[in-house]
């Protein structure tokens, strides 16, 4: 059984990553619209929504070179990166307030700890990878029998995967994933691709290793 402190540490970590995701795309959106010199507020940041259109633009931008543009009259990628860096350097106090208000909102309304507990159960037999169906209890058993060779610190308990990696962490966007599935999926494979093709293949490997006794 995992301690409550360990599970809360997992929860606090995804809250921080969720904030960082929203802030990055919020600043990207402002730079793309060339409004970086306009004032903003924590309230505007909290109201900001990551739409599918904006997420697609952000994902496309990650593939472009510094001199390339997303639109004909838009800024270059270098200019977008520069604007984001300047804002970050000149607005440290505002950034702290963004974080403070976002964390309060995340933990009370957006993704409360009680909802996280529904996904990340204290019982290792009930923490099951969404993709390959292995449980934390089975991973422990396979390790004890020498059926797992990973030397990394990761791999002893389930991780949290976002079905859509450029959206915030939420009950709807989060699933449990073992270290191996989470490491393989990264941001390259879509949720559908990984669930249909790769997860079942990894599941077959676990089944074969379990059968060896």
N, C-alpha and C. Protein backbone atom coordinates (compact mmCIF):
# COMPACT_ATOMS: atom_id res chain seq x y z
N UNK A 1 0.84 -1.19 0.00
CA UNK A 1 0.00 0.00 0.00
C UNK A 1 0.89 1.25 0.00
N UNK A 2 0.52 2.23 -0.81
CA UNK A 2 1.26 3.48 -0.83
C UNK A 2 0.75 4.39 0.29
N UNK A 3 1.65 5.19 0.83
CA UNK A 3 1.25 6.11 1.90
C UNK A 3 0.42 7.25 1.31
N UNK A 4 -0.40 7.86 2.16
CA UNK A 4 -1.18 9.02 1.75
C UNK A 4 -0.26 10.15 1.32
N UNK A 5 0.86 10.31 2.04
CA UNK A 5 1.81 11.38 1.69
C UNK A 5 2.36 11.18 0.28
N UNK A 6 2.63 9.93 -0.10
CA UNK A 6 3.15 9.64 -1.44
C UNK A 6 2.11 10.01 -2.50
N UNK A 7 0.86 9.64 -2.25
CA UNK A 7 -0.21 9.92 -3.22
C UNK A 7 -0.44 11.43 -3.32
N UNK A 8 -0.38 12.12 -2.20
CA UNK A 8 -0.55 13.58 -2.24
C UNK A 8 0.61 14.24 -2.98
N UNK A 9 1.81 13.67 -2.84
CA UNK A 9 2.95 14.19 -3.58
C UNK A 9 2.73 14.05 -5.08
N UNK A 10 2.19 12.91 -5.51
CA UNK A 10 1.83 12.71 -6.92
C UNK A 10 0.83 13.77 -7.37
N UNK A 11 -0.16 14.01 -6.54
CA UNK A 11 -1.22 14.97 -6.87
C UNK A 11 -0.65 16.39 -6.99
N UNK A 12 0.18 16.78 -6.03
CA UNK A 12 0.76 18.12 -6.08
C UNK A 12 1.66 18.29 -7.31
N UNK A 13 2.32 17.21 -7.72
CA UNK A 13 3.19 17.28 -8.89
C UNK A 13 2.38 17.52 -10.17
N UNK A 14 1.24 16.85 -10.29
CA UNK A 14 0.45 17.07 -11.52
C UNK A 14 -0.21 18.45 -11.50
N UNK A 15 -0.52 18.96 -10.30
CA UNK A 15 -1.08 20.32 -10.21
C UNK A 15 -0.08 21.34 -10.75
N UNK A 16 1.19 21.16 -10.39
CA UNK A 16 2.24 22.06 -10.87
C UNK A 16 2.42 21.92 -12.38
N UNK A 17 2.44 20.69 -12.88
CA UNK A 17 2.60 20.48 -14.32
C UNK A 17 1.40 21.04 -15.09
N UNK A 18 0.23 20.92 -14.50
CA UNK A 18 -0.97 21.45 -15.14
C UNK A 18 -0.89 22.97 -15.28
N UNK A 19 -0.44 23.62 -14.21
CA UNK A 19 -0.25 25.07 -14.24
C UNK A 19 0.77 25.46 -15.31
N UNK A 20 1.88 24.75 -15.37
CA UNK A 20 2.92 25.07 -16.34
C UNK A 20 2.41 24.91 -17.77
N UNK A 21 1.58 23.90 -18.01
CA UNK A 21 0.99 23.70 -19.33
C UNK A 21 0.11 24.88 -19.71
N UNK A 22 -0.76 25.27 -18.79
CA UNK A 22 -1.67 26.37 -19.10
C UNK A 22 -0.92 27.67 -19.30
N UNK A 23 0.08 27.93 -18.47
CA UNK A 23 0.85 29.17 -18.60
C UNK A 23 1.58 29.21 -19.93
N UNK A 24 2.21 28.11 -20.33
CA UNK A 24 2.95 28.07 -21.59
C UNK A 24 2.04 28.37 -22.77
N UNK A 25 0.87 27.76 -22.80
CA UNK A 25 -0.03 27.97 -23.95
C UNK A 25 -0.72 29.33 -23.86
N UNK A 26 -0.98 29.81 -22.66
CA UNK A 26 -1.51 31.17 -22.48
C UNK A 26 -0.54 32.20 -23.06
N UNK A 27 0.73 32.09 -22.72
CA UNK A 27 1.73 33.04 -23.23
C UNK A 27 1.95 32.84 -24.73
N UNK A 28 1.90 31.60 -25.18
CA UNK A 28 2.01 31.33 -26.62
C UNK A 28 0.87 32.01 -27.37
N UNK A 29 -0.34 31.92 -26.82
CA UNK A 29 -1.50 32.54 -27.47
C UNK A 29 -1.35 34.06 -27.55
N UNK A 30 -0.86 34.67 -26.49
CA UNK A 30 -0.66 36.13 -26.49
C UNK A 30 0.43 36.52 -27.49
N UNK A 31 1.52 35.76 -27.53
CA UNK A 31 2.60 36.08 -28.47
C UNK A 31 2.14 35.91 -29.91
N UNK A 32 1.34 34.89 -30.14
CA UNK A 32 0.84 34.64 -31.49
C UNK A 32 -0.06 35.77 -31.95
N UNK A 33 -0.83 36.35 -31.02
CA UNK A 33 -1.74 37.45 -31.35
C UNK A 33 -1.08 38.82 -31.22
N UNK A 34 0.21 38.81 -30.87
CA UNK A 34 0.99 40.04 -30.74
C UNK A 34 0.39 41.00 -29.72
N UNK A 35 -0.02 40.47 -28.58
CA UNK A 35 -0.59 41.32 -27.52
C UNK A 35 0.27 41.26 -26.26
N UNK A 36 1.55 40.97 -26.44
CA UNK A 36 2.43 40.76 -25.28
C UNK A 36 2.65 42.04 -24.48
N UNK A 37 2.43 43.21 -25.09
CA UNK A 37 2.64 44.46 -24.37
C UNK A 37 1.40 44.91 -23.59
N UNK A 38 0.30 44.20 -23.78
CA UNK A 38 -0.93 44.56 -23.08
C UNK A 38 -0.92 43.96 -21.68
N UNK A 39 -1.56 44.68 -20.76
CA UNK A 39 -1.66 44.18 -19.39
C UNK A 39 -2.52 42.94 -19.34
N UNK A 40 -2.24 42.10 -18.37
CA UNK A 40 -3.07 40.93 -18.14
C UNK A 40 -3.27 40.80 -16.64
N UNK A 41 -4.06 39.82 -16.22
CA UNK A 41 -4.38 39.67 -14.81
C UNK A 41 -4.57 38.20 -14.47
N UNK A 42 -4.50 37.85 -13.19
CA UNK A 42 -4.77 36.46 -12.79
C UNK A 42 -6.17 36.01 -13.20
N UNK A 43 -7.12 36.93 -13.18
CA UNK A 43 -8.49 36.58 -13.57
C UNK A 43 -8.57 36.21 -15.05
N UNK A 44 -7.84 36.95 -15.89
CA UNK A 44 -7.80 36.62 -17.32
C UNK A 44 -7.15 35.26 -17.52
N UNK A 45 -6.09 35.00 -16.77
CA UNK A 45 -5.41 33.71 -16.88
C UNK A 45 -6.33 32.56 -16.48
N UNK A 46 -7.07 32.71 -15.39
CA UNK A 46 -7.97 31.65 -14.95
C UNK A 46 -9.09 31.41 -15.95
N UNK A 47 -9.56 32.49 -16.59
CA UNK A 47 -10.65 32.35 -17.58
C UNK A 47 -10.17 31.72 -18.88
N UNK A 48 -8.89 31.80 -19.14
CA UNK A 48 -8.33 31.31 -20.41
C UNK A 48 -8.59 29.82 -20.58
N UNK A 49 -9.05 29.45 -21.78
CA UNK A 49 -9.34 28.06 -22.10
C UNK A 49 -8.45 27.59 -23.25
N UNK A 50 -7.90 26.40 -23.12
CA UNK A 50 -7.10 25.81 -24.21
C UNK A 50 -8.06 25.11 -25.16
N UNK A 51 -8.34 25.74 -26.28
CA UNK A 51 -9.26 25.15 -27.26
C UNK A 51 -8.52 24.16 -28.15
N UNK A 52 -9.28 23.35 -28.86
CA UNK A 52 -8.67 22.39 -29.79
C UNK A 52 -7.88 23.13 -30.87
N UNK A 53 -8.42 24.24 -31.37
CA UNK A 53 -7.73 25.00 -32.41
C UNK A 53 -6.39 25.52 -31.90
N UNK A 54 -6.39 26.05 -30.68
CA UNK A 54 -5.16 26.58 -30.11
C UNK A 54 -4.16 25.46 -29.83
N UNK A 55 -4.66 24.32 -29.35
CA UNK A 55 -3.79 23.19 -29.08
C UNK A 55 -3.14 22.70 -30.38
N UNK A 56 -3.91 22.66 -31.47
CA UNK A 56 -3.36 22.25 -32.76
C UNK A 56 -2.27 23.22 -33.22
N UNK A 57 -2.51 24.52 -33.04
CA UNK A 57 -1.51 25.52 -33.43
C UNK A 57 -0.23 25.35 -32.62
N UNK A 58 -0.40 25.11 -31.33
CA UNK A 58 0.76 24.93 -30.45
C UNK A 58 1.56 23.70 -30.86
N UNK A 59 0.87 22.61 -31.15
CA UNK A 59 1.56 21.38 -31.56
C UNK A 59 2.27 21.58 -32.89
N UNK A 60 1.64 22.32 -33.82
CA UNK A 60 2.30 22.61 -35.09
C UNK A 60 3.53 23.49 -34.89
N UNK A 61 3.41 24.44 -33.97
CA UNK A 61 4.51 25.37 -33.71
C UNK A 61 5.74 24.62 -33.21
N UNK A 62 5.52 23.56 -32.45
CA UNK A 62 6.65 22.79 -31.90
C UNK A 62 7.46 22.11 -32.99
N UNK A 63 6.90 22.00 -34.18
CA UNK A 63 7.59 21.34 -35.29
C UNK A 63 8.33 22.32 -36.20
N UNK A 64 8.14 23.63 -35.96
CA UNK A 64 8.70 24.63 -36.86
C UNK A 64 10.09 25.09 -36.42
N UNK A 65 10.86 25.58 -37.38
CA UNK A 65 12.17 26.15 -37.10
C UNK A 65 12.01 27.60 -36.66
N UNK A 66 13.08 28.19 -36.13
CA UNK A 66 13.02 29.53 -35.55
C UNK A 66 12.52 30.59 -36.53
N UNK A 67 12.92 30.47 -37.79
CA UNK A 67 12.57 31.50 -38.76
C UNK A 67 11.18 31.30 -39.39
N UNK A 68 10.56 30.18 -39.11
CA UNK A 68 9.26 29.87 -39.72
C UNK A 68 8.12 30.50 -38.94
N UNK A 69 6.96 30.65 -39.64
CA UNK A 69 5.77 31.27 -39.06
C UNK A 69 4.58 30.32 -39.18
N UNK A 70 3.67 30.43 -38.24
CA UNK A 70 2.44 29.64 -38.31
C UNK A 70 1.47 30.23 -39.33
N UNK A 71 1.47 31.56 -39.45
CA UNK A 71 0.62 32.25 -40.41
C UNK A 71 1.47 33.23 -41.20
N UNK A 72 0.97 33.64 -42.35
CA UNK A 72 1.73 34.52 -43.24
C UNK A 72 2.16 35.81 -42.55
N UNK A 73 1.25 36.45 -41.81
CA UNK A 73 1.56 37.74 -41.19
C UNK A 73 1.85 37.61 -39.70
N UNK A 74 2.00 36.38 -39.22
CA UNK A 74 2.26 36.16 -37.80
C UNK A 74 3.73 36.26 -37.47
N UNK A 75 4.06 36.23 -36.18
CA UNK A 75 5.46 36.30 -35.75
C UNK A 75 6.19 35.00 -36.08
N UNK A 76 7.50 35.10 -36.18
CA UNK A 76 8.31 33.89 -36.36
C UNK A 76 8.34 33.12 -35.03
N UNK A 77 8.77 31.88 -35.09
CA UNK A 77 8.88 31.10 -33.87
C UNK A 77 9.91 31.72 -32.92
N UNK A 78 10.96 32.29 -33.48
CA UNK A 78 11.97 32.95 -32.64
C UNK A 78 11.36 34.13 -31.89
N UNK A 79 10.50 34.89 -32.58
CA UNK A 79 9.85 36.04 -31.95
C UNK A 79 8.89 35.59 -30.85
N UNK A 80 8.17 34.50 -31.10
CA UNK A 80 7.26 33.96 -30.08
C UNK A 80 8.04 33.54 -28.84
N UNK A 81 9.13 32.82 -29.05
CA UNK A 81 9.96 32.36 -27.93
C UNK A 81 10.54 33.56 -27.16
N UNK A 82 10.95 34.59 -27.90
CA UNK A 82 11.53 35.78 -27.27
C UNK A 82 10.49 36.52 -26.44
N UNK A 83 9.27 36.63 -26.97
CA UNK A 83 8.20 37.33 -26.25
C UNK A 83 7.84 36.59 -24.96
N UNK A 84 7.79 35.26 -25.05
CA UNK A 84 7.47 34.46 -23.86
C UNK A 84 8.57 34.62 -22.81
N UNK A 85 9.83 34.60 -23.25
CA UNK A 85 10.95 34.75 -22.34
C UNK A 85 10.94 36.13 -21.67
N UNK A 86 10.66 37.17 -22.46
CA UNK A 86 10.61 38.53 -21.91
C UNK A 86 9.51 38.66 -20.87
N UNK A 87 8.34 38.13 -21.19
CA UNK A 87 7.23 38.21 -20.24
C UNK A 87 7.60 37.52 -18.93
N UNK A 88 8.21 36.35 -19.04
CA UNK A 88 8.58 35.57 -17.86
C UNK A 88 9.59 36.34 -17.01
N UNK A 89 10.55 37.00 -17.65
CA UNK A 89 11.58 37.73 -16.92
C UNK A 89 11.04 38.98 -16.23
N UNK A 90 10.06 39.64 -16.86
CA UNK A 90 9.58 40.94 -16.37
C UNK A 90 8.32 40.85 -15.51
N UNK A 91 7.80 39.65 -15.32
CA UNK A 91 6.53 39.54 -14.59
C UNK A 91 6.59 38.45 -13.52
N UNK A 92 7.68 38.42 -12.79
CA UNK A 92 7.85 37.35 -11.79
C UNK A 92 6.78 37.41 -10.70
N UNK A 93 6.43 38.62 -10.25
CA UNK A 93 5.40 38.75 -9.21
C UNK A 93 4.04 38.32 -9.73
N UNK A 94 3.72 38.72 -10.96
CA UNK A 94 2.44 38.35 -11.56
C UNK A 94 2.37 36.85 -11.79
N UNK A 95 3.49 36.29 -12.21
CA UNK A 95 3.55 34.84 -12.41
C UNK A 95 3.29 34.09 -11.11
N UNK A 96 3.82 34.58 -10.02
CA UNK A 96 3.58 33.97 -8.71
C UNK A 96 2.10 34.04 -8.33
N UNK A 97 1.47 35.17 -8.66
CA UNK A 97 0.05 35.30 -8.36
C UNK A 97 -0.79 34.40 -9.25
N UNK A 98 -0.38 34.27 -10.53
CA UNK A 98 -1.03 33.30 -11.42
C UNK A 98 -1.01 31.91 -10.77
N UNK A 99 0.17 31.53 -10.31
CA UNK A 99 0.35 30.20 -9.74
C UNK A 99 -0.50 30.04 -8.48
N UNK A 100 -0.47 31.02 -7.60
CA UNK A 100 -1.23 30.92 -6.35
C UNK A 100 -2.72 30.74 -6.60
N UNK A 101 -3.27 31.56 -7.50
CA UNK A 101 -4.71 31.47 -7.77
C UNK A 101 -5.06 30.21 -8.55
N UNK A 102 -4.19 29.82 -9.47
CA UNK A 102 -4.47 28.60 -10.23
C UNK A 102 -4.47 27.39 -9.33
N UNK A 103 -3.49 27.28 -8.44
CA UNK A 103 -3.42 26.12 -7.54
C UNK A 103 -4.66 26.03 -6.66
N UNK A 104 -5.13 27.17 -6.17
CA UNK A 104 -6.34 27.17 -5.35
C UNK A 104 -7.54 26.70 -6.17
N UNK A 105 -7.64 27.20 -7.40
CA UNK A 105 -8.74 26.80 -8.29
C UNK A 105 -8.64 25.32 -8.66
N UNK A 106 -7.43 24.86 -8.98
CA UNK A 106 -7.21 23.47 -9.38
C UNK A 106 -7.64 22.52 -8.26
N UNK A 107 -7.26 22.85 -7.03
CA UNK A 107 -7.46 21.92 -5.92
C UNK A 107 -8.88 21.98 -5.32
N UNK A 108 -9.59 23.05 -5.59
CA UNK A 108 -10.95 23.15 -5.04
C UNK A 108 -12.04 22.91 -6.06
N UNK A 109 -11.76 23.23 -7.33
CA UNK A 109 -12.81 23.15 -8.35
C UNK A 109 -12.43 22.29 -9.56
N UNK A 110 -11.27 22.52 -10.11
CA UNK A 110 -10.93 21.92 -11.40
C UNK A 110 -10.65 20.43 -11.29
N UNK A 111 -9.79 20.04 -10.35
CA UNK A 111 -9.44 18.62 -10.19
C UNK A 111 -9.12 18.37 -8.71
N UNK A 112 -10.14 18.34 -7.85
CA UNK A 112 -9.91 18.16 -6.42
C UNK A 112 -9.21 16.83 -6.11
N UNK A 113 -8.57 16.80 -4.97
CA UNK A 113 -7.83 15.61 -4.55
C UNK A 113 -8.75 14.39 -4.47
N UNK A 114 -10.00 14.59 -4.06
CA UNK A 114 -10.95 13.47 -3.96
C UNK A 114 -11.17 12.80 -5.32
N UNK A 115 -11.16 13.58 -6.39
CA UNK A 115 -11.31 13.02 -7.74
C UNK A 115 -10.03 12.30 -8.16
N UNK A 116 -8.89 12.85 -7.76
CA UNK A 116 -7.62 12.20 -8.07
C UNK A 116 -7.55 10.83 -7.40
N UNK A 117 -8.04 10.72 -6.17
CA UNK A 117 -8.03 9.46 -5.45
C UNK A 117 -8.86 8.39 -6.14
N UNK A 118 -9.88 8.82 -6.88
CA UNK A 118 -10.70 7.85 -7.63
C UNK A 118 -9.87 7.20 -8.73
N UNK A 119 -8.88 7.91 -9.24
CA UNK A 119 -7.99 7.38 -10.29
C UNK A 119 -6.80 6.66 -9.67
N UNK A 120 -6.18 7.29 -8.67
CA UNK A 120 -4.96 6.75 -8.09
C UNK A 120 -5.29 6.11 -6.74
N UNK A 121 -5.71 4.86 -6.80
CA UNK A 121 -6.19 4.14 -5.62
C UNK A 121 -5.01 3.70 -4.73
N UNK A 122 -5.17 3.74 -3.40
CA UNK A 122 -4.08 3.30 -2.52
C UNK A 122 -3.73 1.81 -2.66
N UNK A 123 -4.71 1.00 -3.07
CA UNK A 123 -4.49 -0.45 -3.20
C UNK A 123 -3.75 -0.75 -4.51
N UNK A 124 -2.54 -1.36 -4.45
CA UNK A 124 -1.77 -1.62 -5.67
C UNK A 124 -2.47 -2.54 -6.67
N UNK A 125 -3.37 -3.40 -6.18
CA UNK A 125 -4.09 -4.30 -7.09
C UNK A 125 -5.13 -3.54 -7.91
N UNK A 126 -5.53 -2.36 -7.41
CA UNK A 126 -6.54 -1.57 -8.10
C UNK A 126 -5.95 -0.43 -8.92
N UNK A 127 -4.62 -0.30 -8.88
CA UNK A 127 -3.94 0.66 -9.75
C UNK A 127 -3.48 -0.09 -10.99
N UNK A 128 -4.23 0.07 -12.08
CA UNK A 128 -4.01 -0.73 -13.29
C UNK A 128 -3.72 0.20 -14.46
N UNK A 129 -2.69 -0.15 -15.23
CA UNK A 129 -2.36 0.64 -16.42
C UNK A 129 -3.52 0.64 -17.40
N UNK A 130 -3.90 1.80 -17.84
CA UNK A 130 -5.02 1.94 -18.77
C UNK A 130 -4.73 1.27 -20.11
N UNK A 131 -3.46 1.19 -20.48
CA UNK A 131 -3.10 0.72 -21.81
C UNK A 131 -2.76 -0.77 -21.87
N UNK A 132 -1.95 -1.25 -20.94
CA UNK A 132 -1.51 -2.65 -21.02
C UNK A 132 -2.13 -3.52 -19.93
N UNK A 133 -2.90 -2.90 -19.02
CA UNK A 133 -3.69 -3.61 -18.00
C UNK A 133 -2.86 -4.24 -16.89
N UNK A 134 -1.56 -3.99 -16.82
CA UNK A 134 -0.77 -4.51 -15.71
C UNK A 134 -1.06 -3.67 -14.47
N UNK A 135 -1.04 -4.28 -13.31
CA UNK A 135 -1.27 -3.55 -12.06
C UNK A 135 0.04 -3.35 -11.32
N UNK A 136 0.03 -2.44 -10.36
CA UNK A 136 1.22 -2.24 -9.53
C UNK A 136 1.56 -3.52 -8.77
N UNK A 137 0.53 -4.25 -8.33
CA UNK A 137 0.77 -5.51 -7.61
C UNK A 137 1.47 -6.52 -8.51
N UNK A 138 1.06 -6.58 -9.79
CA UNK A 138 1.69 -7.52 -10.73
C UNK A 138 3.12 -7.11 -11.04
N UNK A 139 3.36 -5.80 -11.15
CA UNK A 139 4.72 -5.32 -11.39
C UNK A 139 5.63 -5.72 -10.24
N UNK A 140 5.14 -5.57 -9.02
CA UNK A 140 5.92 -5.97 -7.85
C UNK A 140 6.24 -7.46 -7.89
N UNK A 141 5.25 -8.26 -8.28
CA UNK A 141 5.44 -9.70 -8.37
C UNK A 141 6.47 -10.05 -9.43
N UNK A 142 6.37 -9.41 -10.60
CA UNK A 142 7.31 -9.69 -11.68
C UNK A 142 8.73 -9.27 -11.31
N UNK A 143 8.85 -8.17 -10.60
CA UNK A 143 10.17 -7.74 -10.14
C UNK A 143 10.76 -8.77 -9.18
N UNK A 144 9.92 -9.27 -8.26
CA UNK A 144 10.41 -10.23 -7.26
C UNK A 144 10.87 -11.53 -7.92
N UNK A 145 10.33 -11.85 -9.10
CA UNK A 145 10.71 -13.07 -9.81
C UNK A 145 11.80 -12.82 -10.86
N UNK A 146 12.30 -11.60 -10.91
CA UNK A 146 13.36 -11.29 -11.87
C UNK A 146 12.87 -11.18 -13.29
N UNK A 147 11.55 -10.91 -13.46
CA UNK A 147 10.98 -10.81 -14.81
C UNK A 147 11.01 -9.38 -15.37
N UNK A 148 11.47 -8.45 -14.56
CA UNK A 148 11.60 -7.07 -15.01
C UNK A 148 13.05 -6.66 -14.83
N UNK A 149 13.62 -6.08 -15.87
CA UNK A 149 15.05 -5.77 -15.86
C UNK A 149 15.34 -4.28 -15.73
N UNK A 150 14.32 -3.45 -15.69
CA UNK A 150 14.53 -2.00 -15.63
C UNK A 150 15.30 -1.62 -14.37
N UNK A 151 16.28 -0.75 -14.52
CA UNK A 151 17.09 -0.29 -13.39
C UNK A 151 16.69 1.11 -12.94
N UNK A 152 15.79 1.73 -13.68
CA UNK A 152 15.41 3.11 -13.38
C UNK A 152 14.65 3.20 -12.06
N UNK A 153 14.68 4.39 -11.46
CA UNK A 153 13.90 4.62 -10.24
C UNK A 153 12.41 4.55 -10.53
N UNK A 154 12.03 4.93 -11.75
CA UNK A 154 10.63 4.82 -12.14
C UNK A 154 10.29 3.35 -12.39
N UNK A 155 9.00 3.05 -12.32
CA UNK A 155 8.56 1.71 -12.64
C UNK A 155 8.05 0.93 -11.45
N UNK A 156 8.03 1.54 -10.27
CA UNK A 156 7.57 0.83 -9.09
C UNK A 156 6.11 1.14 -8.77
N UNK A 157 5.57 2.17 -9.36
CA UNK A 157 4.16 2.51 -9.15
C UNK A 157 3.64 3.26 -10.38
N UNK A 158 2.33 3.25 -10.52
CA UNK A 158 1.70 3.84 -11.70
C UNK A 158 1.98 5.34 -11.81
N UNK A 159 2.01 5.80 -13.03
CA UNK A 159 2.17 7.22 -13.33
C UNK A 159 0.87 7.76 -13.90
N UNK A 160 0.80 9.07 -14.05
CA UNK A 160 -0.39 9.70 -14.59
C UNK A 160 -0.10 10.17 -16.01
N UNK A 161 -0.89 9.69 -16.95
CA UNK A 161 -0.74 10.08 -18.35
C UNK A 161 -1.92 10.94 -18.77
N UNK A 162 -1.63 11.99 -19.53
CA UNK A 162 -2.70 12.81 -20.11
C UNK A 162 -3.05 12.26 -21.49
N UNK A 163 -4.31 11.97 -21.71
CA UNK A 163 -4.72 11.49 -23.02
C UNK A 163 -4.35 12.51 -24.10
N UNK A 164 -4.54 13.79 -23.80
CA UNK A 164 -4.12 14.87 -24.69
C UNK A 164 -3.05 15.66 -23.94
N UNK A 165 -1.78 15.48 -24.32
CA UNK A 165 -0.68 15.99 -23.50
C UNK A 165 -0.57 17.50 -23.42
N UNK A 166 -1.22 18.25 -24.30
CA UNK A 166 -1.13 19.70 -24.24
C UNK A 166 -2.38 20.33 -23.65
N UNK A 167 -3.19 19.50 -22.97
CA UNK A 167 -4.28 20.00 -22.14
C UNK A 167 -3.88 19.85 -20.68
N UNK A 168 -4.58 20.57 -19.84
CA UNK A 168 -4.30 20.47 -18.40
C UNK A 168 -4.65 19.09 -17.87
N UNK A 169 -4.15 18.80 -16.68
CA UNK A 169 -4.54 17.58 -15.98
C UNK A 169 -5.95 17.76 -15.44
N UNK A 170 -6.81 16.79 -15.72
CA UNK A 170 -8.17 16.80 -15.21
C UNK A 170 -8.64 15.36 -15.10
N UNK A 171 -9.75 15.16 -14.41
CA UNK A 171 -10.28 13.81 -14.26
C UNK A 171 -10.57 13.20 -15.62
N UNK A 172 -11.06 14.00 -16.56
CA UNK A 172 -11.41 13.51 -17.89
C UNK A 172 -10.19 13.24 -18.76
N UNK A 173 -9.10 13.95 -18.50
CA UNK A 173 -7.93 13.85 -19.37
C UNK A 173 -6.86 12.91 -18.83
N UNK A 174 -7.03 12.39 -17.61
CA UNK A 174 -5.99 11.59 -16.97
C UNK A 174 -6.35 10.11 -16.91
N UNK A 175 -5.35 9.28 -17.16
CA UNK A 175 -5.48 7.83 -16.95
C UNK A 175 -4.20 7.34 -16.28
N UNK A 176 -4.29 6.19 -15.63
CA UNK A 176 -3.10 5.57 -15.08
C UNK A 176 -2.29 4.92 -16.20
N UNK A 177 -0.99 5.01 -16.09
CA UNK A 177 -0.11 4.35 -17.06
C UNK A 177 1.12 3.83 -16.34
N UNK A 178 1.51 2.61 -16.67
CA UNK A 178 2.76 2.09 -16.12
C UNK A 178 3.93 2.87 -16.72
N UNK A 179 5.07 2.74 -16.10
CA UNK A 179 6.27 3.44 -16.57
C UNK A 179 6.54 3.14 -18.04
N UNK A 180 6.39 1.87 -18.45
CA UNK A 180 6.77 1.46 -19.80
C UNK A 180 5.83 2.05 -20.85
N UNK A 181 4.53 2.05 -20.56
CA UNK A 181 3.58 2.64 -21.50
C UNK A 181 3.73 4.16 -21.55
N UNK A 182 3.88 4.77 -20.39
CA UNK A 182 4.01 6.23 -20.35
C UNK A 182 5.28 6.67 -21.05
N UNK A 183 6.35 5.91 -20.87
CA UNK A 183 7.63 6.24 -21.50
C UNK A 183 7.57 6.06 -23.02
N UNK A 184 6.81 5.06 -23.47
CA UNK A 184 6.72 4.79 -24.91
C UNK A 184 5.76 5.74 -25.62
N UNK A 185 4.70 6.11 -24.94
CA UNK A 185 3.68 6.96 -25.58
C UNK A 185 4.19 8.37 -25.81
N UNK A 186 4.89 8.93 -24.82
CA UNK A 186 5.37 10.32 -24.87
C UNK A 186 4.29 11.23 -25.45
N UNK A 187 4.70 12.20 -26.28
CA UNK A 187 3.73 13.06 -26.97
C UNK A 187 3.57 12.65 -28.43
N UNK A 188 4.24 11.56 -28.82
CA UNK A 188 4.25 11.17 -30.23
C UNK A 188 2.98 10.46 -30.65
N UNK A 189 2.55 9.48 -29.86
CA UNK A 189 1.40 8.68 -30.24
C UNK A 189 0.12 9.24 -29.61
N UNK A 190 -0.93 9.25 -30.39
CA UNK A 190 -2.20 9.71 -29.86
C UNK A 190 -2.76 8.68 -28.89
N UNK A 191 -3.71 9.12 -28.09
CA UNK A 191 -4.37 8.22 -27.16
C UNK A 191 -4.97 7.03 -27.91
N UNK A 192 -5.63 7.29 -29.04
CA UNK A 192 -6.25 6.23 -29.82
C UNK A 192 -5.24 5.26 -30.40
N UNK A 193 -4.16 5.80 -30.95
CA UNK A 193 -3.12 4.94 -31.53
C UNK A 193 -2.51 4.02 -30.48
N UNK A 194 -2.19 4.60 -29.33
CA UNK A 194 -1.52 3.81 -28.31
C UNK A 194 -2.46 2.77 -27.71
N UNK A 195 -3.72 3.15 -27.49
CA UNK A 195 -4.69 2.22 -26.92
C UNK A 195 -4.97 1.05 -27.85
N UNK A 196 -5.02 1.33 -29.15
CA UNK A 196 -5.38 0.31 -30.12
C UNK A 196 -4.23 -0.61 -30.50
N UNK A 197 -3.04 -0.04 -30.66
CA UNK A 197 -1.95 -0.81 -31.24
C UNK A 197 -0.84 -1.19 -30.25
N UNK A 198 -0.37 -0.23 -29.47
CA UNK A 198 0.85 -0.45 -28.69
C UNK A 198 0.55 -1.05 -27.31
N UNK A 199 -0.45 -0.51 -26.63
CA UNK A 199 -0.81 -1.03 -25.32
C UNK A 199 -1.08 -2.53 -25.33
N UNK A 200 -1.90 -3.03 -26.27
CA UNK A 200 -2.15 -4.48 -26.31
C UNK A 200 -0.90 -5.31 -26.56
N UNK A 201 0.06 -4.76 -27.31
CA UNK A 201 1.31 -5.50 -27.55
C UNK A 201 2.12 -5.62 -26.26
N UNK A 202 2.19 -4.53 -25.50
CA UNK A 202 2.90 -4.58 -24.22
C UNK A 202 2.16 -5.52 -23.26
N UNK A 203 0.84 -5.51 -23.32
CA UNK A 203 0.04 -6.43 -22.49
C UNK A 203 0.41 -7.88 -22.78
N UNK A 204 0.64 -8.20 -24.05
CA UNK A 204 1.02 -9.56 -24.42
C UNK A 204 2.35 -9.97 -23.81
N UNK A 205 3.28 -9.02 -23.72
CA UNK A 205 4.58 -9.31 -23.11
C UNK A 205 4.40 -9.64 -21.63
N UNK A 206 3.61 -8.82 -20.93
CA UNK A 206 3.38 -9.10 -19.51
C UNK A 206 2.73 -10.47 -19.31
N UNK A 207 1.78 -10.78 -20.17
CA UNK A 207 1.09 -12.08 -20.06
C UNK A 207 2.09 -13.23 -20.23
N UNK A 208 3.00 -13.08 -21.19
CA UNK A 208 4.00 -14.13 -21.42
C UNK A 208 4.94 -14.25 -20.22
N UNK A 209 5.35 -13.13 -19.65
CA UNK A 209 6.26 -13.18 -18.50
C UNK A 209 5.58 -13.76 -17.26
N UNK A 210 4.30 -13.46 -17.08
CA UNK A 210 3.57 -14.04 -15.95
C UNK A 210 3.46 -15.55 -16.08
N UNK A 211 3.32 -16.01 -17.31
CA UNK A 211 3.11 -17.44 -17.53
C UNK A 211 4.36 -18.28 -17.23
N UNK A 212 5.50 -17.62 -17.14
CA UNK A 212 6.74 -18.35 -16.89
C UNK A 212 6.90 -18.74 -15.43
N UNK A 213 6.00 -18.24 -14.59
CA UNK A 213 6.04 -18.61 -13.17
C UNK A 213 7.08 -17.86 -12.38
